[in-house]
């Protein structure tokens, strides 16, 4: 794979994505805060579930147990060559599936300290998520694609009892600034 782009990663094999992830660098949390990112889940099952496209946002907290948090926004289903249209609207996006953000090396549970080159998105730790919210089982790791400060590759795991089970890779590309601060 020559130049790595959002589109080329969307077509890449799992092995290629593993190589890109391994070569990725630790994202700077200050450079993520205040931004929303176009997201894409490449697996076929995501298309069947209607969740191939989404947005993720990151913000800095002034209070609370975590300095950085983030959220997801559902997006209307369309091809990745078409614009990301937030649900219910771009002007009033639904923010849900919140997560605490930290370098993986700072995760409380040793099982979650998997990748020194990644940030850790912990859905179970975000106080905004209801106690029985199904997103609380998600554990994501995100690296910046080497050489591109606007392109990121994520690796999603599901918590099953004490185990962390790989789910899928996902892609993120910087989209727009946001003033959302979690309130």
C-alpha atoms as a PDB file:
ATOM      1  CA  UNK A   1       0.000   0.000   0.000  1.00  0.00           C
ATOM      2  CA  UNK A   2       1.581   3.323  -1.074  1.00  0.00           C
ATOM      3  CA  UNK A   3      -0.063   6.516   0.199  1.00  0.00           C
ATOM      4  CA  UNK A   4      -2.493   5.672   2.979  1.00  0.00           C
ATOM      5  CA  UNK A   5      -5.839   7.439   2.632  1.00  0.00           C
ATOM      6  CA  UNK A   6      -9.291   7.061   4.151  1.00  0.00           C
ATOM      7  CA  UNK A   7     -10.490   5.376   0.931  1.00  0.00           C
ATOM      8  CA  UNK A   8      -7.498   3.018   0.700  1.00  0.00           C
ATOM      9  CA  UNK A   9      -7.969   1.913   4.318  1.00  0.00           C
ATOM     10  CA  UNK A  10     -11.672   1.284   3.630  1.00  0.00           C
ATOM     11  CA  UNK A  11     -10.586  -1.258   0.973  1.00  0.00           C
ATOM     12  CA  UNK A  12      -7.659  -2.731   2.936  1.00  0.00           C
ATOM     13  CA  UNK A  13      -7.504  -6.282   4.254  1.00  0.00           C
ATOM     14  CA  UNK A  14      -7.386  -6.995   7.975  1.00  0.00           C
ATOM     15  CA  UNK A  15      -3.680  -7.842   7.616  1.00  0.00           C
ATOM     16  CA  UNK A  16      -2.980  -4.472   5.946  1.00  0.00           C
ATOM     17  CA  UNK A  17      -4.913  -2.665   8.670  1.00  0.00           C
ATOM     18  CA  UNK A  18      -2.929  -4.559  11.342  1.00  0.00           C
ATOM     19  CA  UNK A  19       0.309  -3.292   9.730  1.00  0.00           C
ATOM     20  CA  UNK A  20      -0.969   0.287   9.545  1.00  0.00           C
ATOM     21  CA  UNK A  21      -2.104   0.116  13.179  1.00  0.00           C
ATOM     22  CA  UNK A  22       1.258  -1.274  14.343  1.00  0.00           C
ATOM     23  CA  UNK A  23       3.077   1.574  12.534  1.00  0.00           C
ATOM     24  CA  UNK A  24       0.670   4.219  13.860  1.00  0.00           C
ATOM     25  CA  UNK A  25       1.665   6.855  16.355  1.00  0.00           C
ATOM     26  CA  UNK A  26       0.120   7.998  19.635  1.00  0.00           C
ATOM     27  CA  UNK A  27      -2.394  10.790  18.897  1.00  0.00           C
ATOM     28  CA  UNK A  28      -1.989  14.124  20.684  1.00  0.00           C
ATOM     29  CA  UNK A  29      -5.161  14.511  22.780  1.00  0.00           C
ATOM     30  CA  UNK A  30      -4.985  18.310  22.552  1.00  0.00           C
ATOM     31  CA  UNK A  31      -5.103  18.014  18.737  1.00  0.00           C
ATOM     32  CA  UNK A  32      -8.255  15.840  18.946  1.00  0.00           C
ATOM     33  CA  UNK A  33     -10.192  17.942  21.474  1.00  0.00           C
ATOM     34  CA  UNK A  34     -12.681  20.279  19.816  1.00  0.00           C
ATOM     35  CA  UNK A  35     -12.929  18.205  16.631  1.00  0.00           C
ATOM     36  CA  UNK A  36     -15.366  15.750  15.073  1.00  0.00           C
ATOM     37  CA  UNK A  37     -14.208  12.989  12.751  1.00  0.00           C
ATOM     38  CA  UNK A  38     -15.905  11.142   9.922  1.00  0.00           C
ATOM     39  CA  UNK A  39     -15.949   7.455  10.803  1.00  0.00           C
ATOM     40  CA  UNK A  40     -16.310   4.245   8.826  1.00  0.00           C
ATOM     41  CA  UNK A  41     -16.703   0.605   9.880  1.00  0.00           C
ATOM     42  CA  UNK A  42     -15.422  -1.472   6.898  1.00  0.00           C
ATOM     43  CA  UNK A  43     -16.705  -4.985   7.814  1.00  0.00           C
ATOM     44  CA  UNK A  44     -19.629  -6.429   5.857  1.00  0.00           C
ATOM     45  CA  UNK A  45     -21.601  -6.984   9.067  1.00  0.00           C
ATOM     46  CA  UNK A  46     -21.539  -3.203   9.684  1.00  0.00           C
ATOM     47  CA  UNK A  47     -23.258  -2.623   6.341  1.00  0.00           C
ATOM     48  CA  UNK A  48     -25.946  -5.164   7.239  1.00  0.00           C
ATOM     49  CA  UNK A  49     -26.406  -3.430  10.611  1.00  0.00           C
ATOM     50  CA  UNK A  50     -26.593   0.029   8.982  1.00  0.00           C
ATOM     51  CA  UNK A  51     -23.592   1.364  10.920  1.00  0.00           C
ATOM     52  CA  UNK A  52     -20.907   1.726   8.267  1.00  0.00           C
ATOM     53  CA  UNK A  53     -20.809   5.497   8.759  1.00  0.00           C
ATOM     54  CA  UNK A  54     -20.685   7.471  11.998  1.00  0.00           C
ATOM     55  CA  UNK A  55     -18.931  10.428  13.566  1.00  0.00           C
ATOM     56  CA  UNK A  56     -16.772  10.607  16.673  1.00  0.00           C
ATOM     57  CA  UNK A  57     -16.061  13.780  18.588  1.00  0.00           C
ATOM     58  CA  UNK A  58     -13.552  14.641  21.302  1.00  0.00           C
ATOM     59  CA  UNK A  59     -13.683  17.334  23.964  1.00  0.00           C
ATOM     60  CA  UNK A  60     -11.690  18.553  26.940  1.00  0.00           C
ATOM     61  CA  UNK A  61     -13.355  18.402  30.354  1.00  0.00           C
ATOM     62  CA  UNK A  62     -12.991  21.156  32.932  1.00  0.00           C
ATOM     63  CA  UNK A  63     -14.320  18.928  35.738  1.00  0.00           C
ATOM     64  CA  UNK A  64     -14.743  15.235  36.404  1.00  0.00           C
ATOM     65  CA  UNK A  65     -12.444  12.236  36.634  1.00  0.00           C
ATOM     66  CA  UNK A  66     -11.124  12.431  33.044  1.00  0.00           C
ATOM     67  CA  UNK A  67      -9.477  15.352  31.232  1.00  0.00           C
ATOM     68  CA  UNK A  68     -10.738  14.189  27.834  1.00  0.00           C
ATOM     69  CA  UNK A  69     -13.923  12.503  26.707  1.00  0.00           C
ATOM     70  CA  UNK A  70     -15.667  11.795  23.446  1.00  0.00           C
ATOM     71  CA  UNK A  71     -18.923  10.715  21.862  1.00  0.00           C
ATOM     72  CA  UNK A  72     -20.483   9.152  18.782  1.00  0.00           C
ATOM     73  CA  UNK A  73     -23.022  10.618  16.360  1.00  0.00           C
ATOM     74  CA  UNK A  74     -25.208   8.414  14.143  1.00  0.00           C
ATOM     75  CA  UNK A  75     -25.015   9.214  10.435  1.00  0.00           C
ATOM     76  CA  UNK A  76     -27.429   8.532   7.577  1.00  0.00           C
ATOM     77  CA  UNK A  77     -26.502   5.424   5.591  1.00  0.00           C
ATOM     78  CA  UNK A  78     -24.787   6.200   2.276  1.00  0.00           C
ATOM     79  CA  UNK A  79     -21.553   5.385   0.470  1.00  0.00           C
ATOM     80  CA  UNK A  80     -18.280   6.784   1.805  1.00  0.00           C
ATOM     81  CA  UNK A  81     -18.024   8.971  -1.296  1.00  0.00           C
ATOM     82  CA  UNK A  82     -21.134  10.874  -0.135  1.00  0.00           C
ATOM     83  CA  UNK A  83     -21.280  13.481   2.660  1.00  0.00           C
ATOM     84  CA  UNK A  84     -21.696  12.446   6.308  1.00  0.00           C
ATOM     85  CA  UNK A  85     -25.189  13.635   7.334  1.00  0.00           C
ATOM     86  CA  UNK A  86     -25.778  13.532  11.082  1.00  0.00           C
ATOM     87  CA  UNK A  87     -28.983  12.175  12.569  1.00  0.00           C
ATOM     88  CA  UNK A  88     -31.394  13.708  13.223  1.00  0.00           C
ATOM     89  CA  UNK A  89     -29.704  16.698  11.507  1.00  0.00           C
ATOM     90  CA  UNK A  90     -26.312  18.334  11.081  1.00  0.00           C
ATOM     91  CA  UNK A  91     -27.570  21.319  13.106  1.00  0.00           C
ATOM     92  CA  UNK A  92     -28.805  19.120  15.970  1.00  0.00           C
ATOM     93  CA  UNK A  93     -26.782  15.881  16.042  1.00  0.00           C
ATOM     94  CA  UNK A  94     -27.614  13.134  18.536  1.00  0.00           C
ATOM     95  CA  UNK A  95     -24.570  12.566  20.747  1.00  0.00           C
ATOM     96  CA  UNK A  96     -24.432   9.201  22.495  1.00  0.00           C
ATOM     97  CA  UNK A  97     -22.025   6.374  23.309  1.00  0.00           C
ATOM     98  CA  UNK A  98     -19.708   8.585  25.357  1.00  0.00           C
ATOM     99  CA  UNK A  99     -16.204   7.443  26.311  1.00  0.00           C
ATOM    100  CA  UNK A 100     -13.306   8.512  28.511  1.00  0.00           C
ATOM    101  CA  UNK A 101     -10.094   9.145  26.545  1.00  0.00           C
ATOM    102  CA  UNK A 102      -6.521   8.530  27.707  1.00  0.00           C
ATOM    103  CA  UNK A 103      -3.277   7.029  26.451  1.00  0.00           C
ATOM    104  CA  UNK A 104      -3.618   3.238  26.545  1.00  0.00           C
ATOM    105  CA  UNK A 105      -0.662   3.117  28.942  1.00  0.00           C
ATOM    106  CA  UNK A 106      -2.776   5.029  31.512  1.00  0.00           C
ATOM    107  CA  UNK A 107      -5.771   2.650  31.495  1.00  0.00           C
ATOM    108  CA  UNK A 108      -6.737   1.569  35.014  1.00  0.00           C
ATOM    109  CA  UNK A 109      -7.088  -2.117  34.154  1.00  0.00           C
ATOM    110  CA  UNK A 110      -3.866  -3.803  33.003  1.00  0.00           C
ATOM    111  CA  UNK A 111      -5.905  -5.785  30.423  1.00  0.00           C
ATOM    112  CA  UNK A 112      -6.655  -2.502  28.674  1.00  0.00           C
ATOM    113  CA  UNK A 113      -3.019  -1.384  28.374  1.00  0.00           C
ATOM    114  CA  UNK A 114      -2.586  -3.132  25.019  1.00  0.00           C
ATOM    115  CA  UNK A 115      -0.953  -0.630  22.688  1.00  0.00           C
ATOM    116  CA  UNK A 116       1.657   1.950  23.717  1.00  0.00           C
ATOM    117  CA  UNK A 117       1.099   3.794  20.415  1.00  0.00           C
ATOM    118  CA  UNK A 118      -2.673   4.221  20.933  1.00  0.00           C
ATOM    119  CA  UNK A 119      -5.199   6.202  22.893  1.00  0.00           C
ATOM    120  CA  UNK A 120      -7.829   4.208  24.761  1.00  0.00           C
ATOM    121  CA  UNK A 121     -11.554   5.004  24.477  1.00  0.00           C
ATOM    122  CA  UNK A 122     -13.318   3.511  27.494  1.00  0.00           C
ATOM    123  CA  UNK A 123     -17.102   3.569  27.144  1.00  0.00           C
ATOM    124  CA  UNK A 124     -17.624   1.966  30.577  1.00  0.00           C
ATOM    125  CA  UNK A 125     -15.863   4.870  32.316  1.00  0.00           C
ATOM    126  CA  UNK A 126     -17.913   7.718  30.799  1.00  0.00           C
ATOM    127  CA  UNK A 127     -20.370   9.032  33.399  1.00  0.00           C
ATOM    128  CA  UNK A 128     -22.801  10.185  30.651  1.00  0.00           C
ATOM    129  CA  UNK A 129     -23.659   6.607  29.655  1.00  0.00           C
ATOM    130  CA  UNK A 130     -26.550   4.977  31.525  1.00  0.00           C
ATOM    131  CA  UNK A 131     -25.509   2.020  33.674  1.00  0.00           C
ATOM    132  CA  UNK A 132     -27.132  -0.547  31.367  1.00  0.00           C
ATOM    133  CA  UNK A 133     -26.108   1.134  28.093  1.00  0.00           C
ATOM    134  CA  UNK A 134     -24.868  -1.611  25.725  1.00  0.00           C
ATOM    135  CA  UNK A 135     -22.035   0.647  24.507  1.00  0.00           C
ATOM    136  CA  UNK A 136     -20.351   0.219  27.915  1.00  0.00           C
ATOM    137  CA  UNK A 137     -18.848  -3.103  26.702  1.00  0.00           C
ATOM    138  CA  UNK A 138     -16.831  -1.335  23.958  1.00  0.00           C
ATOM    139  CA  UNK A 139     -13.095  -0.690  24.347  1.00  0.00           C
ATOM    140  CA  UNK A 140     -11.489   1.170  21.418  1.00  0.00           C
ATOM    141  CA  UNK A 141      -7.849   1.891  20.629  1.00  0.00           C
ATOM    142  CA  UNK A 142      -6.957   4.630  18.135  1.00  0.00           C
ATOM    143  CA  UNK A 143      -3.648   5.480  16.441  1.00  0.00           C
ATOM    144  CA  UNK A 144      -2.743   8.352  14.138  1.00  0.00           C
ATOM    145  CA  UNK A 145      -1.734   7.076  10.720  1.00  0.00           C
ATOM    146  CA  UNK A 146       1.946   7.872  10.341  1.00  0.00           C
ATOM    147  CA  UNK A 147       2.529  10.993   8.254  1.00  0.00           C
ATOM    148  CA  UNK A 148      -1.073  12.258   8.340  1.00  0.00           C
ATOM    149  CA  UNK A 149      -2.292  14.301  11.348  1.00  0.00           C
ATOM    150  CA  UNK A 150      -5.912  14.068  10.124  1.00  0.00           C
ATOM    151  CA  UNK A 151      -6.201  10.294   9.578  1.00  0.00           C
ATOM    152  CA  UNK A 152      -6.679   7.689  12.309  1.00  0.00           C
ATOM    153  CA  UNK A 153      -7.215   3.952  12.575  1.00  0.00           C
ATOM    154  CA  UNK A 154      -9.165   2.386  15.400  1.00  0.00           C
ATOM    155  CA  UNK A 155      -9.388  -1.134  16.731  1.00  0.00           C
ATOM    156  CA  UNK A 156     -12.587  -2.064  18.594  1.00  0.00           C
ATOM    157  CA  UNK A 157     -12.873  -4.732  21.271  1.00  0.00           C
ATOM    158  CA  UNK A 158     -15.876  -5.966  23.241  1.00  0.00           C
ATOM    159  CA  UNK A 159     -15.709  -6.826  26.932  1.00  0.00           C
ATOM    160  CA  UNK A 160     -17.003 -10.362  27.450  1.00  0.00           C
ATOM    161  CA  UNK A 161     -16.629 -11.173  31.140  1.00  0.00           C
ATOM    162  CA  UNK A 162     -12.931 -10.709  31.915  1.00  0.00           C
ATOM    163  CA  UNK A 163     -11.935 -11.085  28.223  1.00  0.00           C
ATOM    164  CA  UNK A 164     -11.465  -8.453  25.507  1.00  0.00           C
ATOM    165  CA  UNK A 165     -12.657  -9.830  22.145  1.00  0.00           C
ATOM    166  CA  UNK A 166     -11.618  -8.154  18.863  1.00  0.00           C
ATOM    167  CA  UNK A 167     -14.610  -6.797  16.949  1.00  0.00           C
ATOM    168  CA  UNK A 168     -13.349  -4.728  14.022  1.00  0.00           C
ATOM    169  CA  UNK A 169     -11.163  -1.953  12.709  1.00  0.00           C
ATOM    170  CA  UNK A 170     -12.678   1.483  12.082  1.00  0.00           C
ATOM    171  CA  UNK A 171     -11.411   4.582  10.283  1.00  0.00           C
ATOM    172  CA  UNK A 172     -11.495   8.218  11.366  1.00  0.00           C
ATOM    173  CA  UNK A 173     -10.734  11.362   9.379  1.00  0.00           C
ATOM    174  CA  UNK A 174     -10.813  14.919  10.738  1.00  0.00           C
ATOM    175  CA  UNK A 175     -14.025  16.624   9.625  1.00  0.00           C
ATOM    176  CA  UNK A 176     -15.024  19.775  11.513  1.00  0.00           C
ATOM    177  CA  UNK A 177     -14.451  21.746  14.689  1.00  0.00           C
ATOM    178  CA  UNK A 178     -17.024  21.649  17.474  1.00  0.00           C
ATOM    179  CA  UNK A 179     -17.753  23.696  20.588  1.00  0.00           C
ATOM    180  CA  UNK A 180     -19.402  20.752  22.369  1.00  0.00           C
ATOM    181  CA  UNK A 181     -18.045  20.369  25.906  1.00  0.00           C
ATOM    182  CA  UNK A 182     -20.260  17.654  27.299  1.00  0.00           C
ATOM    183  CA  UNK A 183     -22.903  19.888  28.825  1.00  0.00           C
END
